[in-house]
Amino acid sequence: MSAKTMTVAGVMSGTSADGIDVALVRIAPGKLRARLTLLAHEGFRYPAALRRSVLAAMNAPVTSTAELARLNWRLGLAYADAVKATLQRHRVKLDLIGCHGQTLYHQPRAAAYTGRSFACTWQAGEPAAISAALGVPVVSNFRPADMLAGGQGAPLVPLLDYVLFADAKRGRVLQNIGGIANLTAIPAAATADAVMAFDTGPGNMVMDALALQLLGKTYDRNGMCAARGTVLEAALAWALRNAYFKLKPPRTAGREQFGREYAAEFLTVCRKYSRKPEDALATATALTAETIAQSYERFVRARMGSGSVDYIVSGGGARNATLMAMLAQRLEPLGCELAASEEFGLPAEAKEAAAFALLAWQTWHRLPGNVPAATGATRGAILGQVTYA
């Protein structure tokens, strides 16, 4: 099948479970890699009741089949509504939709279950509800094909990072800070098989959980509460001993590692040293910054060659001034020049949604969408399943 230019809607709802991002992207074939033009992007908060249901279902020890079936369908309707609303604001003729879905469970390494050992993942959101509402095909369920090729099903954004940001002269690191933080490292003049990517650890996840419990807010806006606090060094040292941070890439994380149970334990440790909410939030913010910086220093820096590196940050964490100041303090002495993805033409909130637009385009043209060097897969894989309108 010869590749063609298409207008694709990418739909993303991340591990923060705060809402839905939609990116409208025109994608055209190029000599070496696809060419992308961001046409528009919009963000939509989950209704409060839906967000409560999503958070309750994530890594839930007990739930019901009825609850999961209803949630899967309700998410599909929410995604359809988000795409519809985006198209009403930006008159674009859509050819295809790529929908990541809402991750409810992600187990990237094999574990025993009923006599077999295997890895597994589940992203909810009924694609048929989306295709029926919009009248265009939907590509969904991207992660399993990579896992069945020996990968961890994540990260999948590195293909977009490589297509948009690879540079002949500059080494670049693309750092996304959503619920989980992940990076893609692209040395100067690198080919796709030289790209390195992995989850560094918690992004906004622990901070948001503490903000909800301590402040009654879904997040610490601009890091203002954390800015008034003091980092509890003993609690931070405890957190940094977590076994996840000792793993070598490729590695991937989620709520299974850093969700509500971890946040509750983290807060208990912080309260041994201070009862002030701002101190706990400052420490959670420092945890994100420190695990990002340590990941770069241990696993990436030596690959990037001499000279300064563009360290390009996207995701909700890029809006947290306290977090960004902590990152600058740690990364700039390592030769990194911090920047926001907007400075390179891609708004922070649009990046992951745009990535799944690109992955959908790849799937439609029967092209691999994973980067094996990032996920650990043994081969490139065509990702996702197509639901026709």
Protein backbone atom coordinates (compact mmCIF):
# COMPACT_ATOMS: atom_id res chain seq x y z
CA MET A 1 0.00 0.00 0.00
CA SER A 2 1.48 3.34 -1.03
CA ALA A 3 1.38 5.90 1.77
CA LYS A 4 -0.91 8.90 1.37
CA THR A 5 -1.51 12.20 3.08
CA MET A 6 -4.23 11.98 5.73
CA THR A 7 -5.76 14.16 8.41
CA VAL A 8 -5.75 12.16 11.64
CA ALA A 9 -7.14 12.87 15.10
CA GLY A 10 -4.94 11.56 17.89
CA VAL A 11 -6.72 10.97 21.19
CA MET A 12 -4.85 10.52 24.45
CA SER A 13 -5.82 10.08 28.10
CA GLY A 14 -2.82 9.40 30.29
CA THR A 15 -2.04 7.86 33.65
CA SER A 16 -2.96 11.08 35.46
CA ALA A 17 -6.54 10.28 34.40
CA ASP A 18 -7.43 13.96 34.39
CA GLY A 19 -8.93 14.19 30.93
CA ILE A 20 -8.63 13.82 27.18
CA ASP A 21 -6.27 15.52 24.74
CA VAL A 22 -7.12 15.65 21.03
CA ALA A 23 -4.65 16.65 18.31
CA LEU A 24 -5.62 17.14 14.67
CA VAL A 25 -2.59 16.33 12.54
CA ARG A 26 -1.94 16.31 8.81
CA ILE A 27 0.50 13.51 8.03
CA ALA A 28 2.25 13.11 4.69
CA PRO A 29 4.80 10.56 3.50
CA GLY A 30 8.40 11.77 3.24
CA LYS A 31 11.63 10.45 1.77
CA LEU A 32 13.03 9.20 5.08
CA ARG A 33 10.14 9.57 7.50
CA ALA A 34 6.62 10.99 7.69
CA ARG A 35 6.04 14.75 7.76
CA LEU A 36 3.62 16.12 10.38
CA THR A 37 1.72 19.37 10.60
CA LEU A 38 -0.24 20.10 13.77
CA LEU A 39 -3.53 21.70 12.71
CA ALA A 40 -5.18 22.12 16.11
CA HIS A 41 -5.40 20.65 19.57
CA GLU A 42 -7.89 20.76 22.43
CA GLY A 43 -8.06 19.44 25.97
CA PHE A 44 -11.12 18.24 27.87
CA ARG A 45 -11.44 17.43 31.56
CA TYR A 46 -13.14 14.20 32.52
CA PRO A 47 -16.48 14.76 34.24
CA ALA A 48 -15.91 14.28 37.98
CA ALA A 49 -17.96 11.08 38.17
CA LEU A 50 -16.12 9.54 35.23
CA ARG A 51 -12.72 10.41 36.68
CA ARG A 52 -13.69 8.80 39.99
CA SER A 53 -14.68 5.63 38.14
CA VAL A 54 -11.44 5.59 36.15
CA LEU A 55 -9.28 6.04 39.25
CA ALA A 56 -11.24 3.38 41.13
CA ALA A 57 -10.76 0.88 38.28
CA MET A 58 -7.02 1.46 37.81
CA ASN A 59 -5.11 -1.49 39.21
CA ALA A 60 -8.21 -2.26 41.30
CA PRO A 61 -7.91 -5.29 43.60
CA VAL A 62 -11.69 -5.82 43.40
CA THR A 63 -14.26 -4.68 40.84
CA SER A 64 -17.09 -6.17 38.77
CA THR A 65 -17.50 -7.18 35.14
CA ALA A 66 -20.49 -4.83 34.88
CA GLU A 67 -18.41 -1.90 36.14
CA LEU A 68 -15.61 -2.58 33.67
CA ALA A 69 -17.98 -3.07 30.72
CA ARG A 70 -19.80 0.17 31.48
CA LEU A 71 -16.56 2.07 31.99
CA ASN A 72 -15.16 0.79 28.70
CA TRP A 73 -18.27 1.97 26.85
CA ARG A 74 -18.50 5.28 28.72
CA LEU A 75 -14.90 6.10 27.87
CA GLY A 76 -15.57 5.41 24.21
CA LEU A 77 -18.47 7.87 24.30
CA ALA A 78 -16.27 10.45 26.06
CA TYR A 79 -13.56 10.10 23.41
CA ALA A 80 -16.15 10.48 20.66
CA ASP A 81 -17.53 13.63 22.31
CA ALA A 82 -14.02 15.09 22.60
CA VAL A 83 -13.25 14.54 18.92
CA LYS A 84 -16.65 15.95 17.92
CA ALA A 85 -16.10 19.07 20.02
CA THR A 86 -12.64 19.55 18.52
CA LEU A 87 -14.02 19.29 14.98
CA GLN A 88 -16.76 21.79 15.80
CA ARG A 89 -14.10 24.32 16.83
CA HIS A 90 -11.75 23.53 13.93
CA ARG A 91 -13.46 22.68 10.66
CA VAL A 92 -11.35 19.81 9.39
CA LYS A 93 -12.31 16.79 7.28
CA LEU A 94 -11.09 13.77 9.20
CA ASP A 95 -9.75 10.59 7.58
CA LEU A 96 -8.73 8.53 10.60
CA ILE A 97 -8.65 8.48 14.42
CA GLY A 98 -5.93 7.02 16.63
CA CYS A 99 -7.14 6.48 20.20
CA HIS A 100 -4.77 5.31 22.92
CA GLY A 101 -7.54 4.58 25.44
CA GLN A 102 -7.30 4.75 29.21
CA THR A 103 -4.79 2.37 30.73
CA LEU A 104 -6.42 0.41 33.53
CA TYR A 105 -3.67 -2.17 33.95
CA HIS A 106 -0.20 -2.57 32.52
CA GLN A 107 2.01 -5.52 33.40
CA PRO A 108 5.05 -5.33 31.10
CA ARG A 109 6.86 -8.36 32.51
CA ALA A 110 5.66 -11.94 32.54
CA ALA A 111 3.89 -13.19 35.66
CA ALA A 112 2.14 -16.46 36.42
CA TYR A 113 -1.62 -16.71 36.03
CA THR A 114 -3.72 -19.93 35.88
CA GLY A 115 -0.82 -22.09 34.84
CA ARG A 116 0.79 -19.77 32.28
CA SER A 117 3.26 -16.93 32.56
CA PHE A 118 2.80 -13.85 30.34
CA ALA A 119 2.80 -10.06 30.20
CA CYS A 120 -0.44 -8.16 29.59
CA THR A 121 -2.00 -4.73 29.29
CA TRP A 122 -5.45 -3.17 29.00
CA GLN A 123 -6.47 0.19 27.61
CA ALA A 124 -10.22 0.81 27.93
CA GLY A 125 -12.43 2.86 25.62
CA GLU A 126 -14.77 1.20 23.11
CA PRO A 127 -13.48 2.07 19.59
CA ALA A 128 -16.76 1.09 17.91
CA ALA A 129 -18.50 3.87 19.82
CA ILE A 130 -15.98 6.35 18.42
CA SER A 131 -16.12 5.17 14.81
CA ALA A 132 -19.92 5.06 14.85
CA ALA A 133 -20.15 8.61 16.19
CA LEU A 134 -17.59 10.13 13.80
CA GLY A 135 -18.07 7.98 10.72
CA VAL A 136 -14.34 7.31 10.24
CA PRO A 137 -12.10 4.32 11.08
CA VAL A 138 -10.43 4.14 14.48
CA VAL A 139 -7.09 2.55 15.31
CA SER A 140 -6.83 1.49 18.96
CA ASN A 141 -5.18 -1.06 21.29
CA PHE A 142 -1.64 -0.14 20.27
CA ARG A 143 0.43 -1.78 22.99
CA PRO A 144 -0.19 -5.57 22.73
CA ALA A 145 1.56 -6.10 19.37
CA ASP A 146 4.81 -4.70 20.76
CA MET A 147 4.52 -6.86 23.88
CA LEU A 148 3.97 -9.98 21.79
CA ALA A 149 7.13 -9.05 19.89
CA GLY A 150 9.04 -9.16 23.18
CA GLY A 151 8.69 -5.49 24.13
CA GLN A 152 7.16 -3.82 27.16
CA GLY A 153 4.41 -2.07 25.22
CA ALA A 154 5.90 1.30 26.18
CA PRO A 155 7.06 3.87 25.54
CA LEU A 156 5.37 4.38 22.16
CA VAL A 157 5.95 8.12 21.78
CA PRO A 158 9.60 7.73 20.62
CA LEU A 159 8.59 7.36 16.97
CA LEU A 160 7.06 10.86 17.07
CA ASP A 161 10.09 12.15 18.95
CA TYR A 162 12.40 10.82 16.27
CA VAL A 163 10.27 12.05 13.36
CA LEU A 164 9.93 15.58 14.75
CA PHE A 165 13.09 16.20 16.74
CA ALA A 166 16.03 14.23 15.32
CA ASP A 167 18.79 16.68 14.37
CA ALA A 168 22.02 16.27 12.44
CA LYS A 169 24.05 18.43 14.83
CA ARG A 170 22.28 18.54 18.20
CA GLY A 171 21.69 15.78 20.70
CA ARG A 172 18.18 15.99 22.12
CA VAL A 173 16.26 14.49 25.01
CA LEU A 174 12.47 14.63 24.91
CA GLN A 175 11.13 14.47 28.46
CA ASN A 176 7.40 13.98 28.88
CA ILE A 177 5.99 14.51 32.36
CA GLY A 178 2.48 13.12 32.59
CA GLY A 179 1.31 10.82 35.36
CA ILE A 180 4.46 8.85 34.64
CA ALA A 181 7.60 10.57 33.35
CA ASN A 182 9.37 9.18 30.32
CA LEU A 183 12.26 10.28 28.14
CA THR A 184 13.49 9.71 24.60
CA ALA A 185 17.19 10.28 23.94
CA ILE A 186 18.25 11.05 20.35
CA PRO A 187 21.99 11.57 19.80
CA ALA A 188 23.02 13.96 17.03
CA ALA A 189 22.68 12.41 13.55
CA ALA A 190 21.13 9.27 15.09
CA THR A 191 19.20 6.68 13.14
CA ALA A 192 16.00 5.28 14.63
CA ASP A 193 17.75 2.19 15.99
CA ALA A 194 20.04 4.43 18.08
CA VAL A 195 17.11 6.02 19.92
CA MET A 196 16.82 5.19 23.63
CA ALA A 197 13.60 5.63 25.59
CA PHE A 198 12.19 4.53 28.93
CA ASP A 199 10.03 5.58 31.87
CA THR A 200 12.09 7.47 34.43
CA GLY A 201 9.50 6.99 37.20
CA PRO A 202 6.64 9.03 38.67
CA GLY A 203 5.79 12.27 36.90
CA ASN A 204 2.74 14.06 38.27
CA MET A 205 1.20 10.91 39.76
CA VAL A 206 2.46 11.12 43.34
CA MET A 207 2.21 14.93 43.43
CA ASP A 208 -1.41 14.80 42.24
CA ALA A 209 -2.37 12.10 44.75
CA LEU A 210 -0.96 14.19 47.60
CA ALA A 211 -2.62 17.37 46.32
CA LEU A 212 -5.97 15.60 46.31
CA GLN A 213 -5.56 14.24 49.83
CA LEU A 214 -3.88 17.24 51.45
CA LEU A 215 -5.32 20.19 49.54
CA GLY A 216 -8.59 18.83 48.17
CA LYS A 217 -7.36 19.79 44.67
CA THR A 218 -6.68 17.63 41.64
CA TYR A 219 -3.16 19.04 41.35
CA ASP A 220 -0.78 21.61 42.85
CA ARG A 221 -1.25 24.43 40.35
CA ASN A 222 2.10 25.69 39.10
CA GLY A 223 3.76 23.95 42.06
CA MET A 224 2.78 26.85 44.32
CA CYS A 225 2.22 24.77 47.44
CA ALA A 226 5.44 22.80 46.91
CA ALA A 227 7.33 26.10 46.47
CA ARG A 228 6.44 27.03 50.06
CA GLY A 229 7.70 23.74 51.44
CA THR A 230 11.01 22.17 52.37
CA VAL A 231 12.21 18.94 50.79
CA LEU A 232 12.35 16.22 53.45
CA GLU A 233 15.72 14.71 52.56
CA ALA A 234 15.27 11.56 54.66
CA ALA A 235 11.90 10.81 53.03
CA LEU A 236 13.37 11.49 49.60
CA ALA A 237 16.27 9.13 50.29
CA TRP A 238 13.78 6.44 51.31
CA ALA A 239 11.82 6.93 48.09
CA LEU A 240 14.93 6.77 45.91
CA ARG A 241 15.72 3.30 47.26
CA ASN A 242 12.71 1.91 45.38
CA ALA A 243 13.76 -1.09 43.30
CA TYR A 244 12.33 0.43 40.10
CA PHE A 245 15.03 3.09 39.95
CA LYS A 246 17.74 0.41 39.92
CA LEU A 247 16.35 -1.24 36.77
CA LYS A 248 18.24 -0.68 33.55
CA PRO A 249 16.31 0.38 30.44
CA PRO A 250 14.15 -0.62 28.73
CA ARG A 251 11.72 -0.21 31.58
CA THR A 252 8.16 1.01 31.96
CA ALA A 253 6.06 2.04 34.96
CA GLY A 254 2.48 2.88 35.84
CA ARG A 255 0.02 3.04 38.71
CA GLU A 256 1.01 -0.50 39.58
CA GLN A 257 4.32 0.94 40.83
CA PHE A 258 3.49 4.54 41.77
CA GLY A 259 -0.28 4.72 42.21
CA ARG A 260 -2.46 5.30 45.25
CA GLU A 261 -0.85 2.59 47.40
CA TYR A 262 2.62 4.02 46.79
CA ALA A 263 1.42 7.59 47.38
CA ALA A 264 -0.14 6.58 50.70
CA GLU A 265 3.12 4.94 51.82
CA PHE A 266 5.10 7.96 50.62
CA LEU A 267 2.91 10.32 52.67
CA THR A 268 3.26 8.10 55.76
CA VAL A 269 7.05 8.35 55.50
CA CYS A 270 6.92 12.13 54.97
CA ARG A 271 4.80 12.54 58.10
CA LYS A 272 7.54 10.99 60.19
CA TYR A 273 9.49 14.18 59.55
CA SER A 274 6.86 16.87 59.00
CA ARG A 275 3.07 17.26 59.14
CA LYS A 276 3.08 20.22 56.76
CA PRO A 277 1.33 19.54 53.42
CA GLU A 278 3.72 21.84 51.60
CA ASP A 279 6.72 19.79 52.79
CA ALA A 280 5.18 16.54 51.53
CA LEU A 281 4.42 18.15 48.16
CA ALA A 282 7.90 19.65 47.93
CA THR A 283 9.35 16.19 48.55
CA ALA A 284 7.10 14.55 45.94
CA THR A 285 8.13 17.21 43.43
CA ALA A 286 11.78 16.61 44.27
CA LEU A 287 11.26 12.87 43.74
CA THR A 288 10.11 13.46 40.18
CA ALA A 289 12.96 15.87 39.46
CA GLU A 290 15.62 13.68 41.03
CA THR A 291 14.54 10.46 39.30
CA ILE A 292 14.53 12.25 35.94
CA ALA A 293 17.98 13.69 36.57
CA GLN A 294 19.42 10.40 37.85
CA SER A 295 17.99 8.55 34.86
CA TYR A 296 19.71 10.96 32.51
CA GLU A 297 22.98 10.87 34.39
CA ARG A 298 23.16 7.07 34.74
CA PHE A 299 21.78 5.83 31.45
CA VAL A 300 21.75 8.60 28.85
CA ARG A 301 24.51 11.16 29.28
CA ALA A 302 27.33 8.96 27.99
CA ARG A 303 25.40 8.29 24.77
CA MET A 304 24.87 11.93 23.87
CA GLY A 305 28.45 12.79 22.91
CA SER A 306 30.22 16.07 23.56
CA GLY A 307 28.51 19.42 23.52
CA SER A 308 25.32 20.68 25.10
CA VAL A 309 22.05 18.80 24.80
CA ASP A 310 18.58 20.22 24.16
CA TYR A 311 16.40 18.89 27.01
CA ILE A 312 12.85 19.44 25.75
CA VAL A 313 10.03 19.05 28.27
CA SER A 314 6.36 18.41 27.52
CA GLY A 315 3.30 17.16 29.40
CA GLY A 316 1.47 18.68 32.34
CA GLY A 317 4.63 18.76 34.43
CA ALA A 318 6.09 21.36 32.09
CA ARG A 319 3.54 23.80 33.59
CA ASN A 320 4.84 23.22 37.13
CA ALA A 321 7.31 26.06 37.75
CA THR A 322 8.66 24.48 40.94
CA LEU A 323 9.35 21.19 39.21
CA MET A 324 10.98 22.91 36.24
CA ALA A 325 13.24 24.93 38.59
CA MET A 326 14.32 21.74 40.34
CA LEU A 327 15.05 20.10 36.99
CA ALA A 328 17.08 23.07 35.80
CA GLN A 329 19.14 23.01 39.00
CA ARG A 330 20.00 19.33 38.44
CA LEU A 331 20.29 19.08 34.66
CA GLU A 332 21.98 22.31 33.60
CA PRO A 333 25.28 21.39 35.34
CA LEU A 334 25.19 18.18 33.24
CA GLY A 335 25.27 20.18 30.01
CA CYS A 336 21.52 20.22 29.34
CA GLU A 337 19.68 23.26 28.05
CA LEU A 338 16.08 23.06 29.23
CA ALA A 339 13.31 24.11 26.87
CA ALA A 340 9.58 23.59 26.48
CA SER A 341 8.29 21.71 23.43
CA GLU A 342 6.41 24.88 22.38
CA GLU A 343 9.77 26.40 21.50
CA PHE A 344 10.09 23.67 18.87
CA GLY A 345 6.60 24.14 17.47
CA LEU A 346 4.68 21.51 19.42
CA PRO A 347 2.51 22.52 22.42
CA ALA A 348 3.20 20.40 25.49
CA GLU A 349 -0.42 19.25 25.79
CA ALA A 350 -0.59 18.10 22.16
CA LYS A 351 2.48 15.89 21.98
CA GLU A 352 1.18 12.51 23.15
CA ALA A 353 -2.09 12.90 21.25
CA ALA A 354 -0.09 13.75 18.11
CA ALA A 355 2.01 10.63 18.71
CA PHE A 356 -1.04 8.39 18.51
CA ALA A 357 -2.19 10.17 15.36
CA LEU A 358 1.16 9.22 13.82
CA LEU A 359 0.93 5.65 15.11
CA ALA A 360 -2.56 5.32 13.61
CA TRP A 361 -1.23 6.57 10.25
CA GLN A 362 1.57 4.01 10.44
CA THR A 363 -0.89 1.22 11.19
CA TRP A 364 -3.21 2.26 8.35
CA HIS A 365 -0.29 1.96 5.95
CA ARG A 366 0.88 -1.33 7.50
CA LEU A 367 4.09 0.22 8.79
CA PRO A 368 5.73 -0.56 12.16
CA GLY A 369 4.99 1.93 14.93
CA ASN A 370 7.25 0.77 17.74
CA VAL A 371 10.92 1.60 18.19
CA PRO A 372 12.45 -1.71 19.35
CA ALA A 373 15.43 0.04 20.94
CA ALA A 374 12.95 1.87 23.18
CA THR A 375 10.50 -0.91 24.10
CA GLY A 376 12.86 -3.88 24.07
CA ALA A 377 10.98 -5.64 21.28
CA THR A 378 12.90 -8.05 19.07
CA ARG A 379 11.44 -6.52 15.89
CA GLY A 380 9.34 -3.74 14.52
CA ALA A 381 5.61 -4.37 14.83
CA ILE A 382 2.49 -2.99 13.20
CA LEU A 383 0.55 -1.73 16.19
CA GLY A 384 -3.13 -1.62 16.96
CA GLN A 385 -6.43 -2.80 15.59
CA VAL A 386 -8.67 -1.05 13.08
CA THR A 387 -12.38 -0.56 13.72
CA TYR A 388 -14.13 0.46 10.50
CA ALA A 389 -17.01 2.92 10.41
